[in-house]
Amino acid sequence: MPKTEVVRVAIVEDHEALRTSLARLIGRAPGFCCVAACPDAETALRELPTAAPHVVLMDLQLPGMSGAECIARLHECLPSAEVLVLTVYDD
């Protein structure tokens, strides 16, 4: 990715306040833009291929499909996207 390109970030987080805060923070950071903020894995799998993020911030504990399973499926359609895991778990 060229240094002048904006980093496209997507968020997958079921906690609405955290998801909104992260989207706002990323949207205000120079050189970054939030291209999607999804409340669950199923929405992420529908929206992220079109949004084409460079980076996905992924919660592991989501309603329905887990974040871990979502990551595996996203790698099939977005193989170059980097994933950063958000979790409260130590392991």
PDB file of N, CA and C in Angstrom:
ATOM      1  N   MET A   1       0.843  -1.167   0.000  1.00  0.00           N
ATOM      2  CA  MET A   1       0.000   0.000   0.000  1.00  0.00           C
ATOM      3  C   MET A   1       0.896   1.240   0.000  1.00  0.00           C
ATOM      4  N   PRO A   2       0.700   2.153  -0.944  1.00  0.00           N
ATOM      5  CA  PRO A   2       1.502   3.379  -0.970  1.00  0.00           C
ATOM      6  C   PRO A   2       1.273   4.209   0.289  1.00  0.00           C
ATOM      7  N   LYS A   3       2.299   4.930   0.706  1.00  0.00           N
ATOM      8  CA  LYS A   3       2.199   5.708   1.944  1.00  0.00           C
ATOM      9  C   LYS A   3       1.136   6.802   1.881  1.00  0.00           C
ATOM     10  N   THR A   4       0.769   7.253   0.687  1.00  0.00           N
ATOM     11  CA  THR A   4      -0.225   8.312   0.561  1.00  0.00           C
ATOM     12  C   THR A   4      -1.653   7.778   0.596  1.00  0.00           C
ATOM     13  N   GLU A   5      -1.821   6.466   0.513  1.00  0.00           N
ATOM     14  CA  GLU A   5      -3.152   5.874   0.517  1.00  0.00           C
ATOM     15  C   GLU A   5      -3.756   5.879   1.915  1.00  0.00           C
ATOM     16  N   VAL A   6      -5.027   6.149   1.991  1.00  0.00           N
ATOM     17  CA  VAL A   6      -5.757   6.117   3.257  1.00  0.00           C
ATOM     18  C   VAL A   6      -5.989   4.665   3.657  1.00  0.00           C
ATOM     19  N   VAL A   7      -5.777   4.348   4.928  1.00  0.00           N
ATOM     20  CA  VAL A   7      -6.010   3.006   5.438  1.00  0.00           C
ATOM     21  C   VAL A   7      -7.502   2.840   5.691  1.00  0.00           C
ATOM     22  N   ARG A   8      -8.081   1.876   5.009  1.00  0.00           N
ATOM     23  CA  ARG A   8      -9.517   1.596   5.106  1.00  0.00           C
ATOM     24  C   ARG A   8      -9.732   0.566   6.217  1.00  0.00           C
ATOM     25  N   VAL A   9     -10.506   0.952   7.231  1.00  0.00           N
ATOM     26  CA  VAL A   9     -10.710   0.104   8.408  1.00  0.00           C
ATOM     27  C   VAL A   9     -12.185  -0.270   8.530  1.00  0.00           C
ATOM     28  N   ALA A  10     -12.425  -1.537   8.867  1.00  0.00           N
ATOM     29  CA  ALA A  10     -13.777  -2.011   9.170  1.00  0.00           C
ATOM     30  C   ALA A  10     -13.798  -2.516  10.608  1.00  0.00           C
ATOM     31  N   ILE A  11     -14.941  -2.374  11.241  1.00  0.00           N
ATOM     32  CA  ILE A  11     -15.117  -2.790  12.633  1.00  0.00           C
ATOM     33  C   ILE A  11     -16.232  -3.837  12.694  1.00  0.00           C
ATOM     34  N   VAL A  12     -15.980  -4.929  13.416  1.00  0.00           N
ATOM     35  CA  VAL A  12     -17.018  -5.929  13.678  1.00  0.00           C
ATOM     36  C   VAL A  12     -17.086  -6.067  15.201  1.00  0.00           C
ATOM     37  N   GLU A  13     -18.105  -5.468  15.772  1.00  0.00           N
ATOM     38  CA  GLU A  13     -18.238  -5.369  17.237  1.00  0.00           C
ATOM     39  C   GLU A  13     -19.716  -5.280  17.579  1.00  0.00           C
ATOM     40  N   ASP A  14     -20.214  -6.151  18.453  1.00  0.00           N
ATOM     41  CA  ASP A  14     -21.634  -6.150  18.784  1.00  0.00           C
ATOM     42  C   ASP A  14     -22.029  -5.088  19.801  1.00  0.00           C
ATOM     43  N   HIS A  15     -21.099  -4.593  20.563  1.00  0.00           N
ATOM     44  CA  HIS A  15     -21.410  -3.560  21.559  1.00  0.00           C
ATOM     45  C   HIS A  15     -21.521  -2.218  20.833  1.00  0.00           C
ATOM     46  N   GLU A  16     -22.740  -1.707  20.750  1.00  0.00           N
ATOM     47  CA  GLU A  16     -23.013  -0.526  19.926  1.00  0.00           C
ATOM     48  C   GLU A  16     -22.181   0.702  20.309  1.00  0.00           C
ATOM     49  N   ALA A  17     -22.082   0.992  21.591  1.00  0.00           N
ATOM     50  CA  ALA A  17     -21.341   2.186  22.015  1.00  0.00           C
ATOM     51  C   ALA A  17     -19.861   2.077  21.639  1.00  0.00           C
ATOM     52  N   LEU A  18     -19.277   0.902  21.830  1.00  0.00           N
ATOM     53  CA  LEU A  18     -17.873   0.709  21.473  1.00  0.00           C
ATOM     54  C   LEU A  18     -17.684   0.797  19.966  1.00  0.00           C
ATOM     55  N   ARG A  19     -18.577   0.149  19.210  1.00  0.00           N
ATOM     56  CA  ARG A  19     -18.503   0.183  17.751  1.00  0.00           C
ATOM     57  C   ARG A  19     -18.584   1.623  17.235  1.00  0.00           C
ATOM     58  N   THR A  20     -19.515   2.390  17.771  1.00  0.00           N
ATOM     59  CA  THR A  20     -19.691   3.781  17.357  1.00  0.00           C
ATOM     60  C   THR A  20     -18.480   4.623  17.723  1.00  0.00           C
ATOM     61  N   SER A  21     -17.962   4.426  18.930  1.00  0.00           N
ATOM     62  CA  SER A  21     -16.785   5.187  19.374  1.00  0.00           C
ATOM     63  C   SER A  21     -15.568   4.876  18.516  1.00  0.00           C
ATOM     64  N   LEU A  22     -15.340   3.593  18.228  1.00  0.00           N
ATOM     65  CA  LEU A  22     -14.201   3.217  17.383  1.00  0.00           C
ATOM     66  C   LEU A  22     -14.345   3.806  15.981  1.00  0.00           C
ATOM     67  N   ALA A  23     -15.540   3.749  15.420  1.00  0.00           N
ATOM     68  CA  ALA A  23     -15.774   4.302  14.083  1.00  0.00           C
ATOM     69  C   ALA A  23     -15.488   5.802  14.065  1.00  0.00           C
ATOM     70  N   ARG A  24     -15.926   6.498  15.086  1.00  0.00           N
ATOM     71  CA  ARG A  24     -15.699   7.942  15.182  1.00  0.00           C
ATOM     72  C   ARG A  24     -14.209   8.239  15.330  1.00  0.00           C
ATOM     73  N   LEU A  25     -13.542   7.502  16.192  1.00  0.00           N
ATOM     74  CA  LEU A  25     -12.110   7.698  16.424  1.00  0.00           C
ATOM     75  C   LEU A  25     -11.312   7.452  15.140  1.00  0.00           C
ATOM     76  N   ILE A  26     -11.601   6.361  14.458  1.00  0.00           N
ATOM     77  CA  ILE A  26     -10.895   6.035  13.220  1.00  0.00           C
ATOM     78  C   ILE A  26     -11.198   7.072  12.142  1.00  0.00           C
ATOM     79  N   GLY A  27     -12.449   7.491  12.057  1.00  0.00           N
ATOM     80  CA  GLY A  27     -12.835   8.488  11.059  1.00  0.00           C
ATOM     81  C   GLY A  27     -12.159   9.828  11.239  1.00  0.00           C
ATOM     82  N   ARG A  28     -11.764  10.143  12.451  1.00  0.00           N
ATOM     83  CA  ARG A  28     -11.095  11.423  12.735  1.00  0.00           C
ATOM     84  C   ARG A  28      -9.578  11.341  12.655  1.00  0.00           C
ATOM     85  N   ALA A  29      -9.032  10.139  12.576  1.00  0.00           N
ATOM     86  CA  ALA A  29      -7.569   9.965  12.560  1.00  0.00           C
ATOM     87  C   ALA A  29      -7.028  10.233  11.155  1.00  0.00           C
ATOM     88  N   PRO A  30      -6.029  11.096  11.052  1.00  0.00           N
ATOM     89  CA  PRO A  30      -5.442  11.373   9.735  1.00  0.00           C
ATOM     90  C   PRO A  30      -4.888  10.086   9.108  1.00  0.00           C
ATOM     91  N   GLY A  31      -5.200   9.899   7.838  1.00  0.00           N
ATOM     92  CA  GLY A  31      -4.691   8.741   7.120  1.00  0.00           C
ATOM     93  C   GLY A  31      -5.521   7.487   7.266  1.00  0.00           C
ATOM     94  N   PHE A  32      -6.669   7.577   7.968  1.00  0.00           N
ATOM     95  CA  PHE A  32      -7.539   6.427   8.183  1.00  0.00           C
ATOM     96  C   PHE A  32      -8.973   6.799   7.841  1.00  0.00           C
ATOM     97  N   CYS A  33      -9.758   5.815   7.418  1.00  0.00           N
ATOM     98  CA  CYS A  33     -11.200   6.024   7.276  1.00  0.00           C
ATOM     99  C   CYS A  33     -11.905   4.727   7.646  1.00  0.00           C
ATOM    100  N   CYS A  34     -13.056   4.866   8.269  1.00  0.00           N
ATOM    101  CA  CYS A  34     -13.868   3.710   8.644  1.00  0.00           C
ATOM    102  C   CYS A  34     -14.838   3.444   7.499  1.00  0.00           C
ATOM    103  N   VAL A  35     -14.699   2.272   6.866  1.00  0.00           N
ATOM    104  CA  VAL A  35     -15.525   1.954   5.704  1.00  0.00           C
ATOM    105  C   VAL A  35     -16.730   1.088   6.047  1.00  0.00           C
ATOM    106  N   ALA A  36     -16.750   0.517   7.253  1.00  0.00           N
ATOM    107  CA  ALA A  36     -17.890  -0.296   7.694  1.00  0.00           C
ATOM    108  C   ALA A  36     -17.810  -0.497   9.197  1.00  0.00           C
ATOM    109  N   ALA A  37     -18.980  -0.568   9.829  1.00  0.00           N
ATOM    110  CA  ALA A  37     -19.077  -0.860  11.260  1.00  0.00           C
ATOM    111  C   ALA A  37     -20.232  -1.835  11.428  1.00  0.00           C
ATOM    112  N   CYS A  38     -19.907  -3.095  11.621  1.00  0.00           N
ATOM    113  CA  CYS A  38     -20.896  -4.174  11.608  1.00  0.00           C
ATOM    114  C   CYS A  38     -21.158  -4.705  13.017  1.00  0.00           C
ATOM    115  N   PRO A  39     -22.428  -5.001  13.337  1.00  0.00           N
ATOM    116  CA  PRO A  39     -22.779  -5.490  14.675  1.00  0.00           C
ATOM    117  C   PRO A  39     -22.592  -6.997  14.857  1.00  0.00           C
ATOM    118  N   ASP A  40     -22.370  -7.726  13.761  1.00  0.00           N
ATOM    119  CA  ASP A  40     -22.221  -9.177  13.866  1.00  0.00           C
ATOM    120  C   ASP A  40     -21.473  -9.722  12.653  1.00  0.00           C
ATOM    121  N   ALA A  41     -21.106 -10.993  12.743  1.00  0.00           N
ATOM    122  CA  ALA A  41     -20.319 -11.634  11.690  1.00  0.00           C
ATOM    123  C   ALA A  41     -21.100 -11.760  10.389  1.00  0.00           C
ATOM    124  N   GLU A  42     -22.374 -12.063  10.497  1.00  0.00           N
ATOM    125  CA  GLU A  42     -23.181 -12.242   9.302  1.00  0.00           C
ATOM    126  C   GLU A  42     -23.253 -10.953   8.483  1.00  0.00           C
ATOM    127  N   THR A  43     -23.418  -9.832   9.157  1.00  0.00           N
ATOM    128  CA  THR A  43     -23.431  -8.538   8.468  1.00  0.00           C
ATOM    129  C   THR A  43     -22.060  -8.257   7.856  1.00  0.00           C
ATOM    130  N   ALA A  44     -21.018  -8.564   8.598  1.00  0.00           N
ATOM    131  CA  ALA A  44     -19.661  -8.347   8.095  1.00  0.00           C
ATOM    132  C   ALA A  44     -19.412  -9.143   6.820  1.00  0.00           C
ATOM    133  N   LEU A  45     -19.846 -10.393   6.788  1.00  0.00           N
ATOM    134  CA  LEU A  45     -19.625 -11.220   5.605  1.00  0.00           C
ATOM    135  C   LEU A  45     -20.398 -10.703   4.391  1.00  0.00           C
ATOM    136  N   ARG A  46     -21.515 -10.024   4.613  1.00  0.00           N
ATOM    137  CA  ARG A  46     -22.274  -9.419   3.513  1.00  0.00           C
ATOM    138  C   ARG A  46     -21.648  -8.107   3.048  1.00  0.00           C
ATOM    139  N   GLU A  47     -21.190  -7.275   4.001  1.00  0.00           N
ATOM    140  CA  GLU A  47     -20.776  -5.909   3.670  1.00  0.00           C
ATOM    141  C   GLU A  47     -19.286  -5.726   3.374  1.00  0.00           C
ATOM    142  N   LEU A  48     -18.431  -6.475   4.052  1.00  0.00           N
ATOM    143  CA  LEU A  48     -16.998  -6.200   3.934  1.00  0.00           C
ATOM    144  C   LEU A  48     -16.381  -6.512   2.576  1.00  0.00           C
ATOM    145  N   PRO A  49     -16.840  -7.533   1.851  1.00  0.00           N
ATOM    146  CA  PRO A  49     -16.238  -7.731   0.525  1.00  0.00           C
ATOM    147  C   PRO A  49     -16.381  -6.501  -0.383  1.00  0.00           C
ATOM    148  N   THR A  50     -17.502  -5.818  -0.302  1.00  0.00           N
ATOM    149  CA  THR A  50     -17.715  -4.608  -1.091  1.00  0.00           C
ATOM    150  C   THR A  50     -16.968  -3.414  -0.500  1.00  0.00           C
ATOM    151  N   ALA A  51     -16.915  -3.325   0.823  1.00  0.00           N
ATOM    152  CA  ALA A  51     -16.231  -2.210   1.489  1.00  0.00           C
ATOM    153  C   ALA A  51     -14.723  -2.273   1.290  1.00  0.00           C
ATOM    154  N   ALA A  52     -14.190  -3.458   1.073  1.00  0.00           N
ATOM    155  CA  ALA A  52     -12.762  -3.678   0.799  1.00  0.00           C
ATOM    156  C   ALA A  52     -11.826  -3.017   1.811  1.00  0.00           C
ATOM    157  N   PRO A  53     -11.965  -3.357   3.096  1.00  0.00           N
ATOM    158  CA  PRO A  53     -11.063  -2.767   4.084  1.00  0.00           C
ATOM    159  C   PRO A  53      -9.650  -3.330   3.972  1.00  0.00           C
ATOM    160  N   HIS A  54      -8.684  -2.513   4.374  1.00  0.00           N
ATOM    161  CA  HIS A  54      -7.311  -2.992   4.501  1.00  0.00           C
ATOM    162  C   HIS A  54      -7.136  -3.705   5.844  1.00  0.00           C
ATOM    163  N   VAL A  55      -7.870  -3.215   6.862  1.00  0.00           N
ATOM    164  CA  VAL A  55      -7.766  -3.721   8.230  1.00  0.00           C
ATOM    165  C   VAL A  55      -9.169  -3.956   8.775  1.00  0.00           C
ATOM    166  N   VAL A  56      -9.338  -5.070   9.499  1.00  0.00           N
ATOM    167  CA  VAL A  56     -10.608  -5.374  10.159  1.00  0.00           C
ATOM    168  C   VAL A  56     -10.331  -5.499  11.653  1.00  0.00           C
ATOM    169  N   LEU A  57     -11.054  -4.705  12.459  1.00  0.00           N
ATOM    170  CA  LEU A  57     -11.010  -4.856  13.912  1.00  0.00           C
ATOM    171  C   LEU A  57     -12.143  -5.798  14.277  1.00  0.00           C
ATOM    172  N   MET A  58     -11.805  -6.975  14.794  1.00  0.00           N
ATOM    173  CA  MET A  58     -12.783  -8.042  14.993  1.00  0.00           C
ATOM    174  C   MET A  58     -12.935  -8.409  16.464  1.00  0.00           C
ATOM    175  N   ASP A  59     -14.164  -8.331  16.955  1.00  0.00           N
ATOM    176  CA  ASP A  59     -14.504  -8.866  18.275  1.00  0.00           C
ATOM    177  C   ASP A  59     -14.632 -10.379  18.125  1.00  0.00           C
ATOM    178  N   LEU A  60     -14.133 -11.152  19.073  1.00  0.00           N
ATOM    179  CA  LEU A  60     -14.240 -12.608  18.983  1.00  0.00           C
ATOM    180  C   LEU A  60     -15.588 -13.128  19.451  1.00  0.00           C
ATOM    181  N   GLN A  61     -16.140 -12.508  20.484  1.00  0.00           N
ATOM    182  CA  GLN A  61     -17.407 -12.985  21.037  1.00  0.00           C
ATOM    183  C   GLN A  61     -18.546 -12.163  20.447  1.00  0.00           C
ATOM    184  N   LEU A  62     -19.154 -12.731  19.419  1.00  0.00           N
ATOM    185  CA  LEU A  62     -20.251 -12.065  18.719  1.00  0.00           C
ATOM    186  C   LEU A  62     -21.502 -12.917  18.830  1.00  0.00           C
ATOM    187  N   PRO A  63     -22.673 -12.312  18.678  1.00  0.00           N
ATOM    188  CA  PRO A  63     -23.898 -13.121  18.641  1.00  0.00           C
ATOM    189  C   PRO A  63     -23.922 -13.914  17.338  1.00  0.00           C
ATOM    190  N   GLY A  64     -24.446 -15.116  17.378  1.00  0.00           N
ATOM    191  CA  GLY A  64     -24.473 -15.940  16.163  1.00  0.00           C
ATOM    192  C   GLY A  64     -23.089 -16.504  15.887  1.00  0.00           C
ATOM    193  N   MET A  65     -22.590 -16.294  14.689  1.00  0.00           N
ATOM    194  CA  MET A  65     -21.274 -16.794  14.297  1.00  0.00           C
ATOM    195  C   MET A  65     -20.175 -16.112  15.105  1.00  0.00           C
ATOM    196  N   SER A  66     -19.187 -16.873  15.527  1.00  0.00           N
ATOM    197  CA  SER A  66     -18.085 -16.314  16.313  1.00  0.00           C
ATOM    198  C   SER A  66     -17.165 -15.456  15.441  1.00  0.00           C
ATOM    199  N   GLY A  67     -16.420 -14.606  16.086  1.00  0.00           N
ATOM    200  CA  GLY A  67     -15.434 -13.798  15.379  1.00  0.00           C
ATOM    201  C   GLY A  67     -14.366 -14.652  14.723  1.00  0.00           C
ATOM    202  N   ALA A  68     -13.974 -15.748  15.376  1.00  0.00           N
ATOM    203  CA  ALA A  68     -12.951 -16.635  14.813  1.00  0.00           C
ATOM    204  C   ALA A  68     -13.427 -17.255  13.500  1.00  0.00           C
ATOM    205  N   GLU A  69     -14.674 -17.708  13.470  1.00  0.00           N
ATOM    206  CA  GLU A  69     -15.209 -18.275  12.228  1.00  0.00           C
ATOM    207  C   GLU A  69     -15.349 -17.200  11.158  1.00  0.00           C
ATOM    208  N   CYS A  70     -15.749 -16.010  11.557  1.00  0.00           N
ATOM    209  CA  CYS A  70     -15.877 -14.904  10.612  1.00  0.00           C
ATOM    210  C   CYS A  70     -14.521 -14.571   9.987  1.00  0.00           C
ATOM    211  N   ILE A  71     -13.469 -14.579  10.791  1.00  0.00           N
ATOM    212  CA  ILE A  71     -12.127 -14.305  10.278  1.00  0.00           C
ATOM    213  C   ILE A  71     -11.762 -15.315   9.195  1.00  0.00           C
ATOM    214  N   ALA A  72     -12.008 -16.593   9.453  1.00  0.00           N
ATOM    215  CA  ALA A  72     -11.690 -17.633   8.473  1.00  0.00           C
ATOM    216  C   ALA A  72     -12.443 -17.401   7.170  1.00  0.00           C
ATOM    217  N   ARG A  73     -13.701 -17.046   7.266  1.00  0.00           N
ATOM    218  CA  ARG A  73     -14.507 -16.817   6.057  1.00  0.00           C
ATOM    219  C   ARG A  73     -14.089 -15.533   5.341  1.00  0.00           C
ATOM    220  N   LEU A  74     -13.744 -14.501   6.104  1.00  0.00           N
ATOM    221  CA  LEU A  74     -13.299 -13.252   5.472  1.00  0.00           C
ATOM    222  C   LEU A  74     -11.997 -13.447   4.707  1.00  0.00           C
ATOM    223  N   HIS A  75     -11.114 -14.288   5.219  1.00  0.00           N
ATOM    224  CA  HIS A  75      -9.846 -14.524   4.528  1.00  0.00           C
ATOM    225  C   HIS A  75     -10.063 -15.148   3.149  1.00  0.00           C
ATOM    226  N   GLU A  76     -11.177 -15.837   2.961  1.00  0.00           N
ATOM    227  CA  GLU A  76     -11.490 -16.411   1.654  1.00  0.00           C
ATOM    228  C   GLU A  76     -11.827 -15.326   0.631  1.00  0.00           C
ATOM    229  N   CYS A  77     -12.546 -14.282   1.055  1.00  0.00           N
ATOM    230  CA  CYS A  77     -12.960 -13.241   0.111  1.00  0.00           C
ATOM    231  C   CYS A  77     -12.116 -11.969   0.209  1.00  0.00           C
ATOM    232  N   LEU A  78     -11.378 -11.804   1.284  1.00  0.00           N
ATOM    233  CA  LEU A  78     -10.491 -10.643   1.464  1.00  0.00           C
ATOM    234  C   LEU A  78      -9.116 -11.130   1.930  1.00  0.00           C
ATOM    235  N   PRO A  79      -8.399 -11.865   1.097  1.00  0.00           N
ATOM    236  CA  PRO A  79      -7.153 -12.490   1.550  1.00  0.00           C
ATOM    237  C   PRO A  79      -6.055 -11.507   1.962  1.00  0.00           C
ATOM    238  N   SER A  80      -6.093 -10.291   1.459  1.00  0.00           N
ATOM    239  CA  SER A  80      -5.029  -9.342   1.810  1.00  0.00           C
ATOM    240  C   SER A  80      -5.370  -8.473   3.022  1.00  0.00           C
ATOM    241  N   ALA A  81      -6.612  -8.564   3.517  1.00  0.00           N
ATOM    242  CA  ALA A  81      -7.007  -7.764   4.678  1.00  0.00           C
ATOM    243  C   ALA A  81      -6.315  -8.280   5.936  1.00  0.00           C
ATOM    244  N   GLU A  82      -5.812  -7.354   6.733  1.00  0.00           N
ATOM    245  CA  GLU A  82      -5.223  -7.693   8.036  1.00  0.00           C
ATOM    246  C   GLU A  82      -6.344  -7.666   9.073  1.00  0.00           C
ATOM    247  N   VAL A  83      -6.283  -8.571  10.039  1.00  0.00           N
ATOM    248  CA  VAL A  83      -7.306  -8.633  11.086  1.00  0.00           C
ATOM    249  C   VAL A  83      -6.648  -8.413  12.442  1.00  0.00           C
ATOM    250  N   LEU A  84      -7.199  -7.482  13.202  1.00  0.00           N
ATOM    251  CA  LEU A  84      -6.785  -7.247  14.584  1.00  0.00           C
ATOM    252  C   LEU A  84      -7.934  -7.683  15.470  1.00  0.00           C
ATOM    253  N   VAL A  85      -7.649  -8.538  16.438  1.00  0.00           N
ATOM    254  CA  VAL A  85      -8.684  -9.089  17.296  1.00  0.00           C
ATOM    255  C   VAL A  85      -8.873  -8.216  18.521  1.00  0.00           C
ATOM    256  N   LEU A  86     -10.145  -7.919  18.805  1.00  0.00           N
ATOM    257  CA  LEU A  86     -10.519  -7.215  20.035  1.00  0.00           C
ATOM    258  C   LEU A  86     -11.156  -8.241  20.952  1.00  0.00           C
ATOM    259  N   THR A  87     -10.605  -8.409  22.149  1.00  0.00           N
ATOM    260  CA  THR A  87     -11.171  -9.378  23.068  1.00  0.00           C
ATOM    261  C   THR A  87     -10.837  -9.016  24.510  1.00  0.00           C
ATOM    262  N   VAL A  88     -11.671  -9.487  25.424  1.00  0.00           N
ATOM    263  CA  VAL A  88     -11.412  -9.316  26.843  1.00  0.00           C
ATOM    264  C   VAL A  88     -10.762 -10.563  27.420  1.00  0.00           C
ATOM    265  N   TYR A  89     -10.620 -11.616  26.598  1.00  0.00           N
ATOM    266  CA  TYR A  89     -10.062 -12.878  27.061  1.00  0.00           C
ATOM    267  C   TYR A  89      -8.533 -12.845  27.047  1.00  0.00           C
ATOM    268  N   ASP A  90      -7.923 -13.452  28.047  1.00  0.00           N
ATOM    269  CA  ASP A  90      -6.458 -13.515  28.132  1.00  0.00           C
ATOM    270  C   ASP A  90      -5.855 -14.530  27.161  1.00  0.00           C
ATOM    271  N   ASP A  91      -6.606 -15.581  26.833  1.00  0.00           N
ATOM    272  CA  ASP A  91      -6.055 -16.627  25.978  1.00  0.00           C
ATOM    273  C   ASP A  91      -6.383 -16.385  24.529  1.00  0.00           C
TER     274      ASP A  91
END
